Amino acid sequence: ILNESAIKAAVRNLVLTNNYERPFHSDIGAPLRRMLFELPTPLTKSMIERTITDLINTYEPRVVLTQVQVTYSHDTYEVYVRIEYKIVNTSTQQTVEVTLERTR
């Protein structure tokens, strides 16, 4: 259970990390906050899903991604991300839900 919690926290931190936010590891992260200011179109949704998929597949070798689902809240201008994955060498299915908000 400790391992599962650590992996869940790592996936969440990876999604919430911007490029150039980690010293000496500028390639880790994604420009998701910048995408939050785009119009909520199917293309933007697809771009966010693809960015998260590439990010996790590249930087989290302990998981096999099964699904990334993005939904918009038009009232609060938030983006809800649901990430489903399996831990490598186990049959354990995990879900991480992250809310991305616009910040000034």
N, C-alpha and C. Protein backbone atom coordinates (compact mmCIF):
# COMPACT_ATOMS: atom_id res chain seq x y z
N ILE A 1 0.83 -1.20 0.00
CA ILE A 1 0.00 0.00 0.00
C ILE A 1 0.87 1.25 0.00
N LEU A 2 2.00 1.19 0.67
CA LEU A 2 2.91 2.33 0.69
C LEU A 2 3.44 2.63 -0.70
N ASN A 3 3.78 1.55 -1.43
CA ASN A 3 4.25 1.71 -2.79
C ASN A 3 3.19 2.32 -3.69
N GLU A 4 1.95 1.86 -3.56
CA GLU A 4 0.85 2.38 -4.36
C GLU A 4 0.62 3.86 -4.09
N SER A 5 0.72 4.26 -2.84
CA SER A 5 0.55 5.67 -2.47
C SER A 5 1.68 6.52 -3.04
N ALA A 6 2.89 5.99 -3.02
CA ALA A 6 4.03 6.72 -3.56
C ALA A 6 3.90 6.91 -5.06
N ILE A 7 3.43 5.88 -5.75
CA ILE A 7 3.25 5.98 -7.20
C ILE A 7 2.14 6.96 -7.53
N LYS A 8 1.06 6.92 -6.76
CA LYS A 8 -0.05 7.84 -6.98
C LYS A 8 0.40 9.29 -6.79
N ALA A 9 1.19 9.54 -5.75
CA ALA A 9 1.71 10.88 -5.50
C ALA A 9 2.67 11.31 -6.61
N ALA A 10 3.48 10.38 -7.11
CA ALA A 10 4.42 10.71 -8.18
C ALA A 10 3.68 11.08 -9.46
N VAL A 11 2.61 10.36 -9.79
CA VAL A 11 1.83 10.67 -10.99
C VAL A 11 1.18 12.04 -10.84
N ARG A 12 0.60 12.31 -9.68
CA ARG A 12 -0.03 13.61 -9.43
C ARG A 12 1.00 14.75 -9.54
N ASN A 13 2.16 14.57 -8.92
CA ASN A 13 3.20 15.60 -8.96
C ASN A 13 3.70 15.82 -10.38
N LEU A 14 3.80 14.76 -11.14
CA LEU A 14 4.26 14.87 -12.52
C LEU A 14 3.31 15.72 -13.35
N VAL A 15 2.01 15.51 -13.17
CA VAL A 15 1.00 16.26 -13.92
C VAL A 15 0.99 17.73 -13.49
N LEU A 16 1.23 17.99 -12.23
CA LEU A 16 1.18 19.37 -11.72
C LEU A 16 2.48 20.14 -11.90
N THR A 17 3.51 19.50 -12.44
CA THR A 17 4.80 20.15 -12.62
C THR A 17 4.89 20.81 -13.99
N ASN A 18 5.31 22.07 -13.99
CA ASN A 18 5.54 22.80 -15.23
C ASN A 18 6.97 22.56 -15.71
N ASN A 19 7.20 22.78 -17.00
CA ASN A 19 8.57 22.74 -17.51
C ASN A 19 9.41 23.78 -16.79
N TYR A 20 10.68 23.49 -16.60
CA TYR A 20 11.66 24.38 -15.97
C TYR A 20 11.37 24.64 -14.49
N GLU A 21 10.49 23.87 -13.89
CA GLU A 21 10.16 24.06 -12.49
C GLU A 21 11.12 23.31 -11.57
N ARG A 22 11.69 22.22 -12.06
CA ARG A 22 12.63 21.43 -11.27
C ARG A 22 14.06 21.79 -11.67
N PRO A 23 14.86 22.24 -10.71
CA PRO A 23 16.25 22.59 -11.04
C PRO A 23 17.01 21.37 -11.59
N PHE A 24 17.77 21.61 -12.63
CA PHE A 24 18.60 20.60 -13.28
C PHE A 24 17.80 19.52 -14.01
N HIS A 25 16.49 19.60 -14.01
CA HIS A 25 15.64 18.66 -14.75
C HIS A 25 14.54 19.45 -15.47
N SER A 26 14.95 20.35 -16.33
CA SER A 26 13.99 21.24 -16.99
C SER A 26 13.07 20.51 -17.95
N ASP A 27 13.45 19.31 -18.37
CA ASP A 27 12.61 18.58 -19.32
C ASP A 27 11.43 17.88 -18.65
N ILE A 28 11.50 17.69 -17.33
CA ILE A 28 10.41 17.03 -16.61
C ILE A 28 9.28 18.03 -16.41
N GLY A 29 8.08 17.63 -16.77
CA GLY A 29 6.92 18.51 -16.62
C GLY A 29 6.25 18.74 -17.96
N ALA A 30 5.17 19.52 -17.91
CA ALA A 30 4.40 19.80 -19.12
C ALA A 30 3.80 21.20 -19.02
N PRO A 31 3.57 21.84 -20.15
CA PRO A 31 2.99 23.20 -20.14
C PRO A 31 1.46 23.18 -20.00
N LEU A 32 0.95 22.43 -19.04
CA LEU A 32 -0.50 22.31 -18.89
C LEU A 32 -1.16 23.60 -18.43
N ARG A 33 -0.51 24.36 -17.57
CA ARG A 33 -1.11 25.61 -17.09
C ARG A 33 -1.33 26.59 -18.24
N ARG A 34 -0.42 26.59 -19.19
CA ARG A 34 -0.59 27.46 -20.35
C ARG A 34 -1.79 27.03 -21.19
N MET A 35 -2.03 25.72 -21.26
CA MET A 35 -3.16 25.22 -22.04
C MET A 35 -4.51 25.54 -21.39
N LEU A 36 -4.52 25.84 -20.12
CA LEU A 36 -5.77 26.16 -19.43
C LEU A 36 -6.38 27.47 -19.92
N PHE A 37 -5.57 28.32 -20.53
CA PHE A 37 -6.07 29.60 -21.02
C PHE A 37 -6.53 29.54 -22.46
N GLU A 38 -6.45 28.36 -23.06
CA GLU A 38 -6.98 28.16 -24.41
C GLU A 38 -8.49 27.96 -24.32
N LEU A 39 -9.17 28.17 -25.42
CA LEU A 39 -10.61 27.91 -25.46
C LEU A 39 -10.88 26.43 -25.24
N PRO A 40 -11.92 26.10 -24.49
CA PRO A 40 -12.22 24.68 -24.22
C PRO A 40 -12.86 23.98 -25.42
N THR A 41 -12.06 23.62 -26.37
CA THR A 41 -12.52 22.95 -27.58
C THR A 41 -12.10 21.47 -27.53
N PRO A 42 -12.68 20.65 -28.40
CA PRO A 42 -12.23 19.25 -28.46
C PRO A 42 -10.74 19.12 -28.80
N LEU A 43 -10.21 20.03 -29.59
CA LEU A 43 -8.79 19.99 -29.93
C LEU A 43 -7.93 20.26 -28.69
N THR A 44 -8.31 21.24 -27.89
CA THR A 44 -7.56 21.54 -26.67
C THR A 44 -7.64 20.37 -25.70
N LYS A 45 -8.81 19.78 -25.58
CA LYS A 45 -8.98 18.61 -24.72
C LYS A 45 -8.07 17.48 -25.17
N SER A 46 -8.02 17.24 -26.46
CA SER A 46 -7.16 16.20 -27.02
C SER A 46 -5.68 16.51 -26.77
N MET A 47 -5.30 17.77 -26.88
CA MET A 47 -3.91 18.17 -26.64
C MET A 47 -3.52 17.92 -25.18
N ILE A 48 -4.41 18.24 -24.25
CA ILE A 48 -4.13 18.02 -22.83
C ILE A 48 -4.01 16.52 -22.55
N GLU A 49 -4.92 15.73 -23.10
CA GLU A 49 -4.85 14.28 -22.91
C GLU A 49 -3.56 13.71 -23.47
N ARG A 50 -3.18 14.14 -24.66
CA ARG A 50 -1.95 13.65 -25.30
C ARG A 50 -0.72 14.08 -24.50
N THR A 51 -0.70 15.30 -24.01
CA THR A 51 0.43 15.79 -23.23
C THR A 51 0.61 14.99 -21.95
N ILE A 52 -0.49 14.72 -21.25
CA ILE A 52 -0.42 13.94 -20.01
C ILE A 52 0.00 12.50 -20.31
N THR A 53 -0.53 11.93 -21.38
CA THR A 53 -0.16 10.57 -21.77
C THR A 53 1.33 10.47 -22.05
N ASP A 54 1.85 11.39 -22.85
CA ASP A 54 3.28 11.38 -23.17
C ASP A 54 4.13 11.59 -21.92
N LEU A 55 3.69 12.49 -21.05
CA LEU A 55 4.43 12.81 -19.83
C LEU A 55 4.56 11.57 -18.93
N ILE A 56 3.46 10.89 -18.70
CA ILE A 56 3.48 9.72 -17.82
C ILE A 56 4.23 8.56 -18.46
N ASN A 57 4.02 8.34 -19.75
CA ASN A 57 4.73 7.25 -20.43
C ASN A 57 6.24 7.48 -20.45
N THR A 58 6.66 8.73 -20.48
CA THR A 58 8.08 9.05 -20.54
C THR A 58 8.74 9.01 -19.17
N TYR A 59 8.09 9.57 -18.15
CA TYR A 59 8.76 9.79 -16.87
C TYR A 59 8.28 8.92 -15.71
N GLU A 60 7.33 8.05 -15.92
CA GLU A 60 6.88 7.17 -14.83
C GLU A 60 6.88 5.72 -15.31
N PRO A 61 8.03 5.06 -15.24
CA PRO A 61 8.14 3.69 -15.76
C PRO A 61 7.46 2.64 -14.88
N ARG A 62 6.99 3.01 -13.69
CA ARG A 62 6.35 2.03 -12.80
C ARG A 62 4.89 1.77 -13.14
N VAL A 63 4.34 2.52 -14.12
CA VAL A 63 2.92 2.35 -14.44
C VAL A 63 2.73 2.10 -15.93
N VAL A 64 1.61 1.45 -16.23
CA VAL A 64 1.14 1.29 -17.61
C VAL A 64 -0.18 2.04 -17.68
N LEU A 65 -0.19 3.08 -18.46
CA LEU A 65 -1.36 3.95 -18.57
C LEU A 65 -2.48 3.24 -19.31
N THR A 66 -3.70 3.32 -18.75
CA THR A 66 -4.84 2.71 -19.43
C THR A 66 -5.79 3.76 -19.99
N GLN A 67 -5.92 4.91 -19.29
CA GLN A 67 -6.84 5.94 -19.78
C GLN A 67 -6.52 7.29 -19.15
N VAL A 68 -6.64 8.33 -19.97
CA VAL A 68 -6.59 9.71 -19.49
C VAL A 68 -7.87 10.38 -19.98
N GLN A 69 -8.62 10.93 -19.04
CA GLN A 69 -9.91 11.53 -19.37
C GLN A 69 -9.91 12.97 -18.88
N VAL A 70 -10.25 13.90 -19.75
CA VAL A 70 -10.27 15.32 -19.43
C VAL A 70 -11.68 15.84 -19.61
N THR A 71 -12.18 16.55 -18.59
CA THR A 71 -13.48 17.20 -18.69
C THR A 71 -13.35 18.64 -18.20
N TYR A 72 -14.15 19.50 -18.81
CA TYR A 72 -14.13 20.93 -18.48
C TYR A 72 -15.30 21.29 -17.57
N SER A 73 -15.06 22.23 -16.68
CA SER A 73 -16.13 22.85 -15.93
C SER A 73 -16.26 24.27 -16.47
N HIS A 74 -17.31 24.54 -17.21
CA HIS A 74 -17.46 25.85 -17.84
C HIS A 74 -17.85 26.92 -16.83
N ASP A 75 -18.37 26.52 -15.68
CA ASP A 75 -18.76 27.48 -14.66
C ASP A 75 -17.56 28.03 -13.90
N THR A 76 -16.62 27.15 -13.56
CA THR A 76 -15.48 27.56 -12.74
C THR A 76 -14.17 27.63 -13.52
N TYR A 77 -14.20 27.32 -14.80
CA TYR A 77 -13.01 27.34 -15.66
C TYR A 77 -11.92 26.42 -15.14
N GLU A 78 -12.33 25.26 -14.61
CA GLU A 78 -11.39 24.26 -14.15
C GLU A 78 -11.39 23.10 -15.13
N VAL A 79 -10.30 22.36 -15.11
CA VAL A 79 -10.17 21.17 -15.93
C VAL A 79 -9.96 20.00 -15.00
N TYR A 80 -10.82 18.99 -15.13
CA TYR A 80 -10.72 17.80 -14.30
C TYR A 80 -10.04 16.70 -15.12
N VAL A 81 -9.00 16.13 -14.54
CA VAL A 81 -8.25 15.08 -15.21
C VAL A 81 -8.36 13.80 -14.40
N ARG A 82 -8.74 12.74 -15.06
CA ARG A 82 -8.83 11.42 -14.43
C ARG A 82 -7.83 10.52 -15.15
N ILE A 83 -6.89 9.97 -14.39
CA ILE A 83 -5.83 9.14 -14.94
C ILE A 83 -5.99 7.74 -14.36
N GLU A 84 -6.11 6.76 -15.24
CA GLU A 84 -6.21 5.37 -14.81
C GLU A 84 -4.98 4.63 -15.31
N TYR A 85 -4.39 3.83 -14.44
CA TYR A 85 -3.19 3.09 -14.80
C TYR A 85 -3.11 1.80 -13.99
N LYS A 86 -2.25 0.91 -14.46
CA LYS A 86 -1.93 -0.31 -13.74
C LYS A 86 -0.46 -0.23 -13.33
N ILE A 87 -0.19 -0.70 -12.14
CA ILE A 87 1.18 -0.75 -11.67
C ILE A 87 1.88 -1.92 -12.36
N VAL A 88 3.10 -1.69 -12.83
CA VAL A 88 3.86 -2.70 -13.57
C VAL A 88 4.05 -3.95 -12.69
N ASN A 89 3.92 -5.11 -13.30
CA ASN A 89 4.10 -6.42 -12.67
C ASN A 89 3.05 -6.74 -11.62
N THR A 90 1.94 -6.01 -11.62
CA THR A 90 0.83 -6.33 -10.73
C THR A 90 -0.46 -6.18 -11.52
N SER A 91 -1.54 -6.58 -10.93
CA SER A 91 -2.84 -6.37 -11.58
C SER A 91 -3.60 -5.24 -10.91
N THR A 92 -2.89 -4.45 -10.12
CA THR A 92 -3.51 -3.38 -9.35
C THR A 92 -3.87 -2.21 -10.27
N GLN A 93 -5.14 -1.88 -10.32
CA GLN A 93 -5.63 -0.74 -11.10
C GLN A 93 -5.75 0.45 -10.15
N GLN A 94 -5.21 1.58 -10.53
CA GLN A 94 -5.25 2.79 -9.71
C GLN A 94 -5.85 3.94 -10.51
N THR A 95 -6.41 4.90 -9.79
CA THR A 95 -6.97 6.10 -10.41
C THR A 95 -6.48 7.32 -9.66
N VAL A 96 -6.06 8.32 -10.41
CA VAL A 96 -5.66 9.60 -9.84
C VAL A 96 -6.54 10.66 -10.48
N GLU A 97 -7.13 11.50 -9.64
CA GLU A 97 -7.93 12.62 -10.15
C GLU A 97 -7.26 13.92 -9.74
N VAL A 98 -7.08 14.79 -10.73
CA VAL A 98 -6.40 16.07 -10.53
C VAL A 98 -7.29 17.17 -11.08
N THR A 99 -7.37 18.27 -10.35
CA THR A 99 -8.09 19.45 -10.82
C THR A 99 -7.07 20.51 -11.19
N LEU A 100 -7.11 20.95 -12.42
CA LEU A 100 -6.21 22.00 -12.89
C LEU A 100 -6.98 23.32 -12.91
N GLU A 101 -6.41 24.33 -12.27
CA GLU A 101 -7.06 25.63 -12.20
C GLU A 101 -6.18 26.70 -12.81
N ARG A 102 -6.81 27.70 -13.36
CA ARG A 102 -6.08 28.85 -13.88
C ARG A 102 -5.53 29.66 -12.72
N THR A 103 -4.28 30.08 -12.85
CA THR A 103 -3.70 30.98 -11.85
C THR A 103 -3.13 32.18 -12.58
N ARG A 104 -3.09 33.27 -11.89
CA ARG A 104 -2.58 34.49 -12.52
C ARG A 104 -1.11 34.63 -12.35
